[in-house]
C-alpha atoms as a PDB file:
ATOM      1  CA  MET A   1       0.000   0.000   0.000  1.00  0.00           C
ATOM      2  CA  GLY A   2       0.987   3.631  -0.311  1.00  0.00           C
ATOM      3  CA  HIS A   3       2.273   6.057   2.258  1.00  0.00           C
ATOM      4  CA  SER A   4      -1.139   7.567   3.089  1.00  0.00           C
ATOM      5  CA  ILE A   5      -2.138   6.651   6.616  1.00  0.00           C
ATOM      6  CA  GLN A   6      -5.814   7.135   5.817  1.00  0.00           C
ATOM      7  CA  GLU A   7      -5.633   4.946   2.709  1.00  0.00           C
ATOM      8  CA  ASN A   8      -3.868   2.142   4.589  1.00  0.00           C
ATOM      9  CA  ILE A   9      -6.440   2.203   7.380  1.00  0.00           C
ATOM     10  CA  LEU A  10      -9.373   2.335   4.949  1.00  0.00           C
ATOM     11  CA  VAL A  11      -8.081  -0.505   2.751  1.00  0.00           C
ATOM     12  CA  THR A  12      -7.283  -2.662   5.801  1.00  0.00           C
ATOM     13  CA  LEU A  13     -10.776  -2.083   7.189  1.00  0.00           C
ATOM     14  CA  MET A  14     -12.393  -2.889   3.828  1.00  0.00           C
ATOM     15  CA  LEU A  15     -10.389  -6.110   3.443  1.00  0.00           C
ATOM     16  CA  LYS A  16     -11.403  -7.269   6.925  1.00  0.00           C
ATOM     17  CA  GLU A  17     -15.059  -6.434   6.208  1.00  0.00           C
ATOM     18  CA  LEU A  18     -14.828  -8.463   2.979  1.00  0.00           C
ATOM     19  CA  GLY A  19     -13.796 -11.439   5.094  1.00  0.00           C
ATOM     20  CA  ILE A  20     -10.132 -11.580   4.153  1.00  0.00           C
ATOM     21  CA  LYS A  21      -8.648 -13.720   6.919  1.00  0.00           C
ATOM     22  CA  TYR A  22      -5.050 -12.472   6.854  1.00  0.00           C
ATOM     23  CA  VAL A  23      -4.183  -8.831   6.253  1.00  0.00           C
ATOM     24  CA  CYS A  24      -0.629  -7.517   6.407  1.00  0.00           C
ATOM     25  CA  ALA A  25      -0.378  -3.720   6.465  1.00  0.00           C
ATOM     26  CA  ARG A  26       2.428  -1.153   6.396  1.00  0.00           C
ATOM     27  CA  ALA A  27       2.639   1.511   9.094  1.00  0.00           C
ATOM     28  CA  VAL A  28       4.633   4.737   9.038  1.00  0.00           C
ATOM     29  CA  ASP A  29       4.746   5.315  12.811  1.00  0.00           C
ATOM     30  CA  ASP A  30       3.720   3.796  16.155  1.00  0.00           C
ATOM     31  CA  LEU A  31       0.271   5.452  16.226  1.00  0.00           C
ATOM     32  CA  HIS A  32      -0.489   4.238  12.697  1.00  0.00           C
ATOM     33  CA  GLU A  33       0.697   0.749  13.715  1.00  0.00           C
ATOM     34  CA  LYS A  34      -1.639   0.744  16.724  1.00  0.00           C
ATOM     35  CA  ALA A  35      -4.603   1.905  14.597  1.00  0.00           C
ATOM     36  CA  LEU A  36      -4.026  -0.837  12.017  1.00  0.00           C
ATOM     37  CA  GLU A  37      -3.831  -3.482  14.753  1.00  0.00           C
ATOM     38  CA  LYS A  38      -7.050  -2.180  16.365  1.00  0.00           C
ATOM     39  CA  ILE A  39      -9.018  -2.489  13.120  1.00  0.00           C
ATOM     40  CA  GLY A  40      -7.870  -6.053  12.591  1.00  0.00           C
ATOM     41  CA  ALA A  41      -4.604  -6.143  10.645  1.00  0.00           C
ATOM     42  CA  ASN A  42      -3.040  -9.502  11.452  1.00  0.00           C
ATOM     43  CA  ARG A  43       0.468  -8.212  10.877  1.00  0.00           C
ATOM     44  CA  VAL A  44       1.736  -4.662  10.744  1.00  0.00           C
ATOM     45  CA  ILE A  45       5.126  -3.873   9.265  1.00  0.00           C
ATOM     46  CA  ASN A  46       6.896  -0.613  10.031  1.00  0.00           C
ATOM     47  CA  PRO A  47       9.988  -0.582   7.775  1.00  0.00           C
ATOM     48  CA  GLU A  48      11.396   2.684   9.122  1.00  0.00           C
ATOM     49  CA  LYS A  49      11.156   1.468  12.725  1.00  0.00           C
ATOM     50  CA  THR A  50      12.660  -1.917  11.826  1.00  0.00           C
ATOM     51  CA  ALA A  51      15.578  -0.302   9.989  1.00  0.00           C
ATOM     52  CA  GLY A  52      16.161   2.086  12.898  1.00  0.00           C
ATOM     53  CA  ILE A  53      16.252  -0.740  15.441  1.00  0.00           C
ATOM     54  CA  ARG A  54      18.647  -2.766  13.282  1.00  0.00           C
ATOM     55  CA  LEU A  55      20.969   0.197  12.843  1.00  0.00           C
ATOM     56  CA  ALA A  56      20.871   1.074  16.560  1.00  0.00           C
ATOM     57  CA  ASN A  57      21.744  -2.504  17.524  1.00  0.00           C
ATOM     58  CA  GLN A  58      24.648  -2.558  15.093  1.00  0.00           C
ATOM     59  CA  LEU A  59      25.941   0.757  16.439  1.00  0.00           C
ATOM     60  CA  ILE A  60      25.643  -0.402  20.060  1.00  0.00           C
ATOM     61  CA  SER A  61      27.706  -3.529  19.460  1.00  0.00           C
ATOM     62  CA  SER A  62      30.294  -3.952  16.738  1.00  0.00           C
ATOM     63  CA  ASP A  63      29.901  -7.735  17.177  1.00  0.00           C
ATOM     64  CA  ILE A  64      26.324  -7.688  15.792  1.00  0.00           C
ATOM     65  CA  LEU A  65      26.368  -8.095  12.013  1.00  0.00           C
ATOM     66  CA  ASP A  66      22.617  -8.369  11.448  1.00  0.00           C
ATOM     67  CA  ILE A  67      19.440  -8.683  13.483  1.00  0.00           C
ATOM     68  CA  ILE A  68      15.939  -9.786  12.474  1.00  0.00           C
ATOM     69  CA  GLU A  69      13.004  -9.397  14.841  1.00  0.00           C
ATOM     70  CA  ILE A  70      10.777 -12.472  14.723  1.00  0.00           C
ATOM     71  CA  SER A  71       8.418 -11.199  17.424  1.00  0.00           C
ATOM     72  CA  PRO A  72       8.692  -8.777  20.340  1.00  0.00           C
ATOM     73  CA  GLU A  73      10.169 -11.642  22.392  1.00  0.00           C
ATOM     74  CA  TYR A  74      12.484 -13.270  19.836  1.00  0.00           C
ATOM     75  CA  THR A  75      15.189 -12.083  17.464  1.00  0.00           C
ATOM     76  CA  VAL A  76      17.629 -13.800  15.154  1.00  0.00           C
ATOM     77  CA  GLN A  77      21.083 -12.264  15.389  1.00  0.00           C
ATOM     78  CA  GLU A  78      24.198 -12.788  13.340  1.00  0.00           C
ATOM     79  CA  PHE A  79      27.269 -11.849  15.309  1.00  0.00           C
ATOM     80  CA  THR A  80      31.017 -12.256  15.333  1.00  0.00           C
ATOM     81  CA  ALA A  81      32.092 -15.082  17.628  1.00  0.00           C
ATOM     82  CA  LYS A  82      34.205 -14.020  20.586  1.00  0.00           C
ATOM     83  CA  LYS A  83      37.743 -15.371  20.819  1.00  0.00           C
ATOM     84  CA  GLU A  84      36.851 -17.416  23.901  1.00  0.00           C
ATOM     85  CA  PHE A  85      34.396 -19.395  21.712  1.00  0.00           C
ATOM     86  CA  PHE A  86      37.149 -20.633  19.381  1.00  0.00           C
ATOM     87  CA  GLY A  87      38.060 -24.305  19.665  1.00  0.00           C
ATOM     88  CA  LYS A  88      35.030 -25.167  21.830  1.00  0.00           C
ATOM     89  CA  THR A  89      31.967 -27.235  21.020  1.00  0.00           C
ATOM     90  CA  LEU A  90      28.456 -25.843  21.407  1.00  0.00           C
ATOM     91  CA  SER A  91      28.011 -28.175  24.379  1.00  0.00           C
ATOM     92  CA  GLU A  92      31.057 -26.699  26.057  1.00  0.00           C
ATOM     93  CA  LEU A  93      29.879 -23.144  25.428  1.00  0.00           C
ATOM     94  CA  ASP A  94      26.438 -23.903  26.943  1.00  0.00           C
ATOM     95  CA  LEU A  95      25.060 -20.706  25.391  1.00  0.00           C
ATOM     96  CA  ARG A  96      21.428 -21.382  26.264  1.00  0.00           C
ATOM     97  CA  LYS A  97      22.131 -21.641  29.979  1.00  0.00           C
ATOM     98  CA  ARG A  98      24.755 -18.889  30.171  1.00  0.00           C
ATOM     99  CA  HIS A  99      23.277 -16.325  27.766  1.00  0.00           C
ATOM    100  CA  ASN A 100      19.701 -17.498  26.984  1.00  0.00           C
ATOM    101  CA  VAL A 101      20.771 -18.030  23.355  1.00  0.00           C
ATOM    102  CA  ALA A 102      19.870 -20.835  20.953  1.00  0.00           C
ATOM    103  CA  VAL A 103      22.249 -21.458  18.044  1.00  0.00           C
ATOM    104  CA  LEU A 104      20.440 -21.904  14.715  1.00  0.00           C
ATOM    105  CA  ALA A 105      23.346 -22.515  12.364  1.00  0.00           C
END
C-alpha cells in the first residue's frame, strides 16, 4: 500500500469487512501501527522502525552483524564469535544456559 495513513487504514478495514482472513499492512509510525492493529490487521510492518532498530543494535555492538526481529520476544542475530568461543563445542559453550541463546546454524 501507499504512504497515506488514511488509505492504509481504509483498505485494511475494507479487506477485513470483505472477510479476508489475513491482512498484512504497512505503518509509518507507532500510532499508525496501533490503529491498524485495532481495526484487525493480522500483521503490521513498520519498515522505518525496523531499519532504525537494526541500525541502533549494530551501532551499540560492533559484534552484531545483522538482526531480524521475529516477534517482540524473539530475534535472530548474526554476530562475530568471541575469541573465547574458538576451539570449543556448542556443548562446552552452553550458550542457552549462560546467555539465553539458541544457536540456529
